[in-house]
Protein backbone atom coordinates (compact mmCIF):
# COMPACT_ATOMS: atom_id res chain seq x y z
CA MET A 1 55.77 -97.55 45.73
CA GLN A 2 53.91 -95.11 48.00
CA THR A 3 53.10 -95.23 51.66
CA GLN A 4 49.78 -96.86 52.44
CA VAL A 5 49.01 -94.20 55.01
CA SER A 6 49.34 -90.45 54.66
CA PRO A 7 52.68 -88.79 55.41
CA GLU A 8 50.72 -86.28 57.48
CA LEU A 9 49.37 -88.99 59.79
CA LEU A 10 52.79 -90.60 60.23
CA THR A 11 54.34 -87.20 60.89
CA GLN A 12 51.69 -86.41 63.50
CA ILE A 13 52.30 -89.74 65.25
CA ALA A 14 56.07 -89.20 65.20
CA HIS A 15 55.67 -85.75 66.77
CA GLU A 16 53.41 -87.17 69.46
CA PHE A 17 55.52 -90.20 70.43
CA GLY A 18 59.03 -89.24 69.29
CA THR A 19 61.51 -91.10 67.10
CA PRO A 20 62.69 -93.66 66.32
CA LEU A 21 59.25 -95.21 66.43
CA TYR A 22 57.48 -98.36 65.23
CA VAL A 23 53.93 -97.79 64.01
CA TYR A 24 51.52 -100.63 63.18
CA PHE A 25 48.27 -100.55 61.22
CA PRO A 26 46.53 -103.84 62.10
CA GLU A 27 43.90 -103.47 59.38
CA LYS A 28 46.67 -104.52 56.97
CA ILE A 29 47.12 -107.72 58.99
CA LYS A 30 43.42 -108.38 58.59
CA ASP A 31 43.63 -107.78 54.83
CA GLN A 32 46.44 -110.33 54.49
CA TYR A 33 44.67 -112.86 56.69
CA VAL A 34 41.42 -112.54 54.73
CA LYS A 35 43.33 -112.87 51.45
CA LEU A 36 44.96 -116.09 52.65
CA CYS A 37 41.71 -117.54 53.99
CA SER A 38 39.86 -116.66 50.80
CA ALA A 39 42.43 -118.40 48.61
CA PHE A 40 41.96 -121.65 50.57
CA GLN A 41 38.28 -121.36 51.43
CA GLN A 42 37.40 -124.54 49.53
CA GLN A 43 39.95 -126.59 51.49
CA ASP A 44 40.24 -127.69 55.10
CA VAL A 45 42.92 -125.22 56.18
CA LYS A 46 44.10 -123.77 59.49
CA ILE A 47 46.30 -120.68 59.62
CA PHE A 48 48.90 -120.36 62.40
CA TYR A 49 50.53 -116.93 62.68
CA ALA A 50 54.31 -117.42 63.03
CA CYS A 51 54.66 -115.01 65.92
CA LYS A 52 58.47 -114.87 65.81
CA ALA A 53 57.85 -112.03 63.33
CA LEU A 54 56.23 -109.77 65.96
CA THR A 55 55.15 -110.73 69.47
CA ASN A 56 53.79 -107.52 70.95
CA ILE A 57 50.90 -108.66 73.09
CA HIS A 58 48.47 -106.20 71.46
CA ILE A 59 49.31 -107.58 68.01
CA LEU A 60 48.83 -111.13 69.29
CA ARG A 61 45.44 -110.24 70.73
CA TYR A 62 44.39 -108.61 67.47
CA ILE A 63 45.42 -111.68 65.47
CA HIS A 64 43.62 -113.96 67.93
CA ALA A 65 40.47 -111.84 67.49
CA LEU A 66 40.65 -112.49 63.74
CA GLY A 67 40.19 -116.21 64.47
CA CYS A 68 43.78 -117.10 63.60
CA ASN A 69 45.89 -119.71 65.39
CA VAL A 70 49.49 -119.08 66.44
CA ASP A 71 52.82 -120.81 65.73
CA CYS A 72 55.62 -120.45 68.29
CA SER A 73 59.36 -121.06 68.04
CA SER A 74 60.15 -121.03 71.76
CA ILE A 75 58.46 -121.88 75.02
CA ASN A 76 58.33 -118.20 75.90
CA GLU A 77 56.45 -117.46 72.70
CA VAL A 78 54.03 -120.21 73.74
CA LYS A 79 53.54 -118.50 77.10
CA LEU A 80 53.05 -115.11 75.43
CA ALA A 81 50.41 -116.61 73.14
CA LEU A 82 48.55 -118.17 76.05
CA TYR A 83 48.82 -114.87 77.96
CA ALA A 84 47.35 -113.05 74.95
CA GLY A 85 44.30 -115.30 75.11
CA PHE A 86 44.96 -118.04 72.59
CA PRO A 87 43.52 -121.33 73.91
CA LYS A 88 46.03 -124.16 74.02
CA GLU A 89 44.42 -125.99 71.13
CA LYS A 90 45.18 -122.99 68.87
CA VAL A 91 48.87 -122.88 69.82
CA LEU A 92 51.56 -124.74 67.86
CA TYR A 93 55.12 -125.10 69.15
CA THR A 94 57.83 -126.11 66.70
CA SER A 95 61.12 -126.95 68.39
CA ASN A 96 64.61 -126.36 67.03
CA SER A 97 67.92 -127.24 68.72
CA ILE A 98 66.39 -127.03 72.19
CA ASP A 99 66.78 -129.00 75.40
CA PHE A 100 64.11 -131.67 75.79
CA SER A 101 62.89 -129.96 78.96
CA GLU A 102 61.38 -127.22 76.79
CA ILE A 103 59.35 -129.80 74.89
CA GLU A 104 58.24 -131.28 78.22
CA GLU A 105 57.04 -127.85 79.29
CA ALA A 106 55.11 -127.42 76.05
CA GLN A 107 53.49 -130.81 76.55
CA ALA A 108 52.47 -129.86 80.09
CA LEU A 109 50.80 -126.74 78.67
CA GLY A 110 48.80 -128.92 76.28
CA VAL A 111 49.75 -127.27 72.98
CA HIS A 112 50.46 -128.83 69.59
CA ILE A 113 54.11 -129.85 69.22
CA ASN A 114 56.36 -130.38 66.19
CA ILE A 115 59.74 -132.04 66.79
CA ASP A 116 62.67 -131.51 64.46
CA SER A 117 65.39 -133.95 65.58
CA LEU A 118 65.64 -137.72 65.89
CA SER A 119 67.15 -137.28 69.35
CA ASN A 120 64.18 -135.38 70.78
CA LEU A 121 61.72 -137.55 68.86
CA GLU A 122 63.13 -140.60 70.60
CA LYS A 123 63.05 -138.90 74.00
CA PHE A 124 59.44 -137.89 73.41
CA GLY A 125 58.52 -141.43 72.40
CA LYS A 126 60.16 -142.99 75.44
CA LYS A 127 58.37 -140.62 77.81
CA TYR A 128 54.93 -140.23 76.24
CA ALA A 129 54.59 -143.18 73.83
CA HIS A 130 51.01 -143.07 72.50
CA THR A 131 49.56 -140.80 75.19
CA TYR A 132 50.20 -137.46 73.42
CA PRO A 133 49.99 -136.64 69.69
CA VAL A 134 53.03 -135.04 68.11
CA GLY A 135 54.24 -133.69 64.77
CA ILE A 136 57.49 -134.38 62.93
CA ARG A 137 59.33 -131.68 61.07
CA LEU A 138 60.95 -133.04 57.92
CA ARG A 139 63.71 -131.39 55.90
CA PRO A 140 62.73 -131.87 52.25
CA ASN A 141 66.22 -131.02 50.88
CA VAL A 142 64.69 -128.46 48.52
CA MET A 143 65.93 -124.87 48.17
CA ALA A 144 62.55 -123.23 47.67
CA GLY A 145 62.94 -119.59 48.66
CA GLY A 146 65.28 -116.75 49.52
CA ASN A 147 69.01 -116.91 50.19
CA LEU A 148 70.79 -119.31 52.55
CA ASN A 149 70.17 -116.98 55.51
CA ILE A 150 66.41 -117.33 55.23
CA SER A 151 65.92 -120.65 53.46
CA THR A 152 65.36 -123.61 55.78
CA GLY A 153 64.50 -126.61 53.60
CA HIS A 154 67.73 -127.15 51.68
CA ASP A 155 70.17 -130.00 52.26
CA LYS A 156 72.55 -127.96 54.43
CA SER A 157 69.89 -126.54 56.73
CA LYS A 158 69.88 -127.29 60.45
CA PHE A 159 66.08 -127.44 60.45
CA GLY A 160 64.07 -130.65 60.44
CA ILE A 161 64.91 -134.31 60.12
CA PRO A 162 66.25 -135.08 56.61
CA VAL A 163 63.64 -136.95 54.62
CA ASP A 164 66.28 -139.52 53.65
CA GLN A 165 66.34 -140.58 57.31
CA MET A 166 62.74 -141.80 57.07
CA ASN A 167 63.70 -145.37 58.05
CA ASP A 168 65.23 -144.05 61.27
CA ILE A 169 62.12 -141.99 61.95
CA LEU A 170 59.86 -144.99 61.43
CA SER A 171 62.00 -147.13 63.72
CA VAL A 172 61.71 -144.59 66.55
CA VAL A 173 57.95 -144.25 66.01
CA SER A 174 57.39 -148.00 65.91
CA GLU A 175 59.63 -148.89 68.86
CA ASN A 176 57.89 -146.33 71.08
CA ASN A 177 54.34 -146.75 69.75
CA MET A 178 54.13 -143.03 69.01
CA TRP A 179 51.04 -141.09 67.92
CA ILE A 180 52.15 -139.07 64.89
CA ARG A 181 49.38 -136.60 64.09
CA VAL A 182 51.23 -134.01 61.94
CA LEU A 183 53.94 -133.96 59.29
CA HIS A 184 55.60 -130.57 58.89
CA ILE A 185 57.93 -128.79 56.48
CA HIS A 186 59.06 -125.19 56.29
CA THR A 187 61.19 -124.36 53.28
CA GLY A 188 62.12 -120.79 54.22
CA SER A 189 61.23 -117.23 53.35
CA GLU A 190 60.66 -115.28 50.12
CA ILE A 191 58.88 -118.09 48.29
CA SER A 192 57.90 -116.76 44.87
CA ASP A 193 58.13 -119.84 42.65
CA VAL A 194 55.02 -121.91 43.35
CA ASP A 195 56.23 -124.84 41.22
CA LEU A 196 59.47 -125.06 43.20
CA TYR A 197 57.57 -124.79 46.47
CA MET A 198 55.32 -127.64 45.38
CA LYS A 199 58.39 -129.87 45.00
CA ALA A 200 58.87 -129.58 48.76
CA VAL A 201 55.16 -130.10 49.37
CA ASN A 202 55.21 -133.27 47.29
CA VAL A 203 58.14 -134.60 49.30
CA LEU A 204 55.98 -134.23 52.40
CA LEU A 205 52.86 -135.67 50.81
CA ASN A 206 54.77 -138.68 49.55
CA ALA A 207 55.78 -139.44 53.14
CA THR A 208 52.25 -139.36 54.55
CA HIS A 209 51.52 -143.03 53.85
CA ASN A 210 54.06 -144.00 56.51
CA PHE A 211 51.87 -142.76 59.37
CA ALA A 212 48.51 -144.44 59.87
CA GLU A 213 47.19 -141.91 62.39
CA LEU A 214 48.27 -138.83 60.47
CA GLU A 215 45.61 -136.08 60.36
CA CYS A 216 47.40 -132.88 59.33
CA VAL A 217 50.06 -131.76 56.87
CA ASP A 218 51.81 -128.58 57.99
CA LEU A 219 53.26 -126.73 55.00
CA GLY A 220 54.92 -123.90 56.92
CA GLY A 221 55.01 -120.34 55.63
CA GLY A 222 57.63 -118.14 54.02
CA PHE A 223 55.29 -116.49 51.52
CA LYS A 224 56.78 -113.53 49.66
CA VAL A 225 55.59 -109.97 50.20
CA PRO A 226 56.46 -107.01 47.93
CA TYR A 227 59.21 -104.69 49.18
CA LYS A 228 59.62 -102.43 46.17
CA ALA A 229 57.98 -101.49 42.90
CA GLY A 230 57.80 -104.50 40.64
CA ASP A 231 57.83 -107.04 43.47
CA VAL A 232 54.92 -109.46 43.66
CA GLU A 233 53.49 -111.55 46.46
CA THR A 234 53.32 -115.30 46.39
CA ASP A 235 50.35 -116.12 44.15
CA MET A 236 48.04 -117.60 46.78
CA ASN A 237 45.34 -118.59 44.33
CA LEU A 238 47.85 -120.50 42.22
CA LEU A 239 49.37 -122.06 45.33
CA SER A 240 45.89 -123.11 46.49
CA GLU A 241 45.10 -124.63 43.10
CA ARG A 242 48.37 -126.61 42.89
CA ASN A 243 48.14 -127.67 46.52
CA HIS A 244 44.56 -128.88 46.06
CA ILE A 245 45.55 -130.99 43.06
CA ALA A 246 48.52 -132.55 44.86
CA LEU A 247 46.58 -133.24 48.04
CA SER A 248 43.59 -134.65 46.17
CA ASN A 249 45.84 -137.13 44.37
CA ILE A 250 47.31 -138.37 47.65
CA GLU A 251 43.91 -138.53 49.33
CA ARG A 252 42.45 -140.49 46.42
CA ILE A 253 45.23 -143.05 46.64
CA GLN A 254 45.13 -143.34 50.43
CA LYS A 255 41.34 -142.93 50.72
CA LYS A 256 41.66 -140.45 53.61
CA LYS A 257 41.48 -136.69 54.12
CA TYR A 258 44.14 -134.40 55.57
CA GLN A 259 43.83 -130.98 57.14
CA ILE A 260 46.33 -128.39 55.87
CA TRP A 261 48.21 -126.06 58.21
CA PHE A 262 50.08 -122.93 57.14
CA GLU A 263 52.39 -120.76 59.26
CA PRO A 264 52.61 -117.26 57.73
CA GLY A 265 54.52 -114.68 59.77
CA LYS A 266 56.04 -111.93 57.66
CA TYR A 267 53.21 -112.35 55.14
CA LEU A 268 50.71 -111.17 57.75
CA VAL A 269 52.57 -108.39 59.57
CA SER A 270 55.38 -107.05 57.36
CA GLY A 271 53.31 -104.49 55.46
CA ALA A 272 51.44 -103.45 58.59
CA GLY A 273 54.51 -101.85 60.20
CA TYR A 274 56.61 -98.74 59.65
CA LEU A 275 59.77 -97.48 61.34
CA ILE A 276 60.00 -93.69 61.53
CA ALA A 277 63.38 -92.07 62.10
CA LYS A 278 64.73 -88.52 62.18
CA VAL A 279 67.63 -87.29 60.07
CA ASN A 280 70.30 -86.15 62.52
CA VAL A 281 73.01 -85.09 60.07
CA LEU A 282 73.71 -84.72 56.38
CA LYS A 283 77.33 -85.44 55.51
CA LYS A 284 78.44 -84.50 52.02
CA THR A 285 81.56 -86.10 50.54
CA PRO A 286 83.04 -85.87 47.05
CA SER A 287 81.40 -89.15 46.10
CA SER A 288 78.11 -89.21 48.02
CA VAL A 289 75.77 -87.70 50.58
CA PHE A 290 75.14 -89.55 53.84
CA ALA A 291 71.83 -89.13 55.65
CA GLY A 292 72.55 -90.11 59.24
CA LEU A 293 69.53 -91.14 61.29
CA ASP A 294 68.60 -91.48 64.96
CA THR A 295 68.30 -95.24 64.49
CA GLY A 296 70.52 -98.06 63.29
CA LEU A 297 70.89 -101.80 62.88
CA ASN A 298 69.96 -102.07 66.56
CA HIS A 299 66.39 -101.24 65.49
CA LEU A 300 66.25 -102.65 61.96
CA ILE A 301 68.92 -105.26 61.33
CA ARG A 302 67.47 -106.81 58.17
CA PRO A 303 69.37 -104.68 55.59
CA MET A 304 72.75 -105.52 57.15
CA PHE A 305 71.89 -109.08 58.18
CA TYR A 306 69.99 -110.28 55.12
CA GLY A 307 70.79 -107.63 52.52
CA ALA A 308 67.07 -106.89 52.69
CA TYR A 309 65.52 -103.99 50.79
CA HIS A 310 63.19 -101.60 52.64
CA HIS A 311 61.50 -98.78 50.76
CA ILE A 312 62.48 -95.46 52.38
CA GLU A 313 60.32 -92.35 52.06
CA ASN A 314 60.92 -88.79 53.19
CA ILE A 315 57.56 -87.94 54.75
CA SER A 316 58.74 -84.42 55.52
CA ASN A 317 59.14 -83.76 51.79
CA PRO A 318 57.19 -86.53 50.06
CA HIS A 319 56.91 -84.81 46.68
CA GLY A 320 60.34 -83.18 46.54
CA GLU A 321 62.96 -83.53 43.84
CA LYS A 322 64.71 -86.89 43.98
CA GLN A 323 68.36 -87.06 44.98
CA ARG A 324 70.67 -89.94 45.83
CA TYR A 325 71.69 -90.70 49.41
CA ASN A 326 73.46 -93.30 51.48
CA VAL A 327 71.08 -93.79 54.42
CA VAL A 328 73.00 -94.82 57.52
CA GLY A 329 72.48 -95.28 61.25
CA ASN A 330 74.03 -93.84 64.40
CA ILE A 331 75.62 -97.06 65.67
CA CYS A 332 79.38 -97.50 66.05
CA GLU A 333 79.28 -100.20 63.39
CA THR A 334 78.64 -100.20 59.67
CA ASP A 335 74.85 -99.94 59.66
CA THR A 336 73.87 -98.88 56.17
CA PHE A 337 70.17 -99.07 55.34
CA ALA A 338 70.58 -98.10 51.69
CA TRP A 339 73.40 -97.24 49.27
CA ASP A 340 72.86 -94.64 46.57
CA ARG A 341 69.10 -94.63 47.16
CA GLU A 342 66.90 -92.14 45.30
CA ILE A 343 64.82 -90.22 47.88
CA SER A 344 63.04 -86.85 47.90
CA THR A 345 65.48 -84.09 48.90
CA ILE A 346 66.47 -84.50 52.56
CA GLN A 347 67.25 -81.82 55.12
CA GLU A 348 68.42 -82.29 58.69
CA GLY A 349 65.42 -82.83 60.94
CA ASP A 350 63.35 -84.53 58.23
CA LEU A 351 61.47 -87.73 59.03
CA LEU A 352 62.16 -90.84 56.99
CA VAL A 353 59.88 -93.87 57.10
CA PHE A 354 60.92 -97.46 56.43
CA HIS A 355 58.22 -99.64 54.90
CA ASN A 356 57.68 -103.32 55.71
CA ALA A 357 58.99 -102.93 59.24
CA GLY A 358 56.26 -104.98 60.87
CA ALA A 359 58.17 -108.26 60.67
CA TYR A 360 61.55 -108.77 62.35
CA GLY A 361 61.94 -105.07 63.10
CA PHE A 362 61.35 -104.58 66.79
CA GLU A 363 61.48 -108.34 67.26
CA MET A 364 65.18 -108.43 66.38
CA ALA A 365 66.01 -105.09 68.02
CA SER A 366 68.73 -104.76 70.63
CA ASN A 367 70.33 -102.27 73.02
CA PHE A 368 73.63 -102.26 71.12
CA ASN A 369 75.71 -99.18 72.03
CA SER A 370 73.43 -98.97 75.09
CA ARG A 371 70.83 -97.22 72.99
CA PHE A 372 67.17 -97.47 73.85
CA LYS A 373 64.71 -99.67 72.00
CA PRO A 374 61.99 -97.61 70.31
CA ALA A 375 58.40 -97.28 71.42
CA GLU A 376 55.66 -99.15 69.54
CA VAL A 377 52.35 -97.60 68.54
CA MET A 378 49.25 -99.27 67.09
CA VAL A 379 46.73 -97.26 65.06
CA VAL A 380 43.14 -98.48 65.27
CA ASN A 381 40.34 -96.58 63.54
CA GLY A 382 42.67 -93.63 63.12
CA ASN A 383 43.57 -93.47 66.80
CA ALA A 384 47.21 -94.02 67.78
CA GLN A 385 47.81 -95.83 71.05
CA LEU A 386 51.10 -96.61 72.76
CA ILE A 387 51.56 -100.37 73.09
CA ARG A 388 55.16 -100.35 74.32
CA ARG A 389 56.96 -97.41 75.89
CA ARG A 390 60.41 -96.38 74.78
CA ASP A 391 63.28 -97.71 76.89
CA ASN A 392 64.74 -95.46 79.56
CA PHE A 393 68.08 -95.52 81.36
CA GLU A 394 66.72 -97.73 84.15
CA ASP A 395 65.92 -100.40 81.56
CA LEU A 396 69.63 -100.67 80.75
CA LEU A 397 70.35 -101.41 84.42
CA LYS A 398 67.35 -103.46 85.50
CA ASN A 399 68.94 -106.92 85.26
CA GLN A 400 72.41 -105.93 86.36
CA ILE A 401 73.53 -106.66 89.90
CA LEU A 402 74.28 -103.23 91.36
């Protein structure tokens, strides 16, 4: 697996802006978006970018310019999307374990809303009745992708209203004369088995007959992207084919059409981003060699949090002899990026690049150990522009009462 951009370009950008550094190539976002749209071009589909993956305002504006909609997981993401230029009708807000006041704020902003608890569904019905359309997030009780940390549709997940509580849902809807416009599921991340995914889809489709005013079925996201050699993406053409068959069967029976919504996040932005870090120290021990970087889990938590694999490349010596290293961070915590990883020979001062850092890299970054968050750079038509400056010491103090 090789870098999609030249080591020379990444090295030049790192020298200009310093390390650690996030670098984004939005043309890759466009490629993924076009691929998704092409797979479903024969169906009535809307794509909502799940912006929890990366919310930099420049990235949001770029995605809006592609014609994409946006899916938000918090009211502040909703406000960022509106600030970036998305009109309210292209913004979807899916709630999760939040105070009802946040849903009220979303309603006041006029965006699409999905509700994922009976409690908030009832509160919404009592306040708005039939005056405002709303979606219901169901939990299909299907383990369709990834491990428990990133799967959200299984029977122990906090997300959504369990499908076996359908009678309770229907009672709330009926008693409050609610306008249910959308049914939603999201099974989780790393979906590679289309047949298993379709089990969750069929759970949703089989529930559609309960809602006379239903217009849209929201099938979430979680599509797999390749992280290393041999990995494959979710087969979008196969997914489109199976989805079309399933939806057509339901539509034939019910004699009505549904619009399909998808919410890809990582699928759109993961491969567009790189994290560049400098090797501070090489530490040789009898059993291994540690390459210690000027970054850590405070900038890329996925390997420690999810056990996620990120391809690591030495762009200072891209064609050198391969040796094995433990790649670790500079945080006072175990922050290992890779154990016994084969990488071109490393020297102190070399630059390493982490692939697939566009999703949940900066977005999950922190100031742990009072270290600065990295800068972010976007490369458009070969020109690198700073889209977020690196933290400085004043940033560590700005919200403290001095």
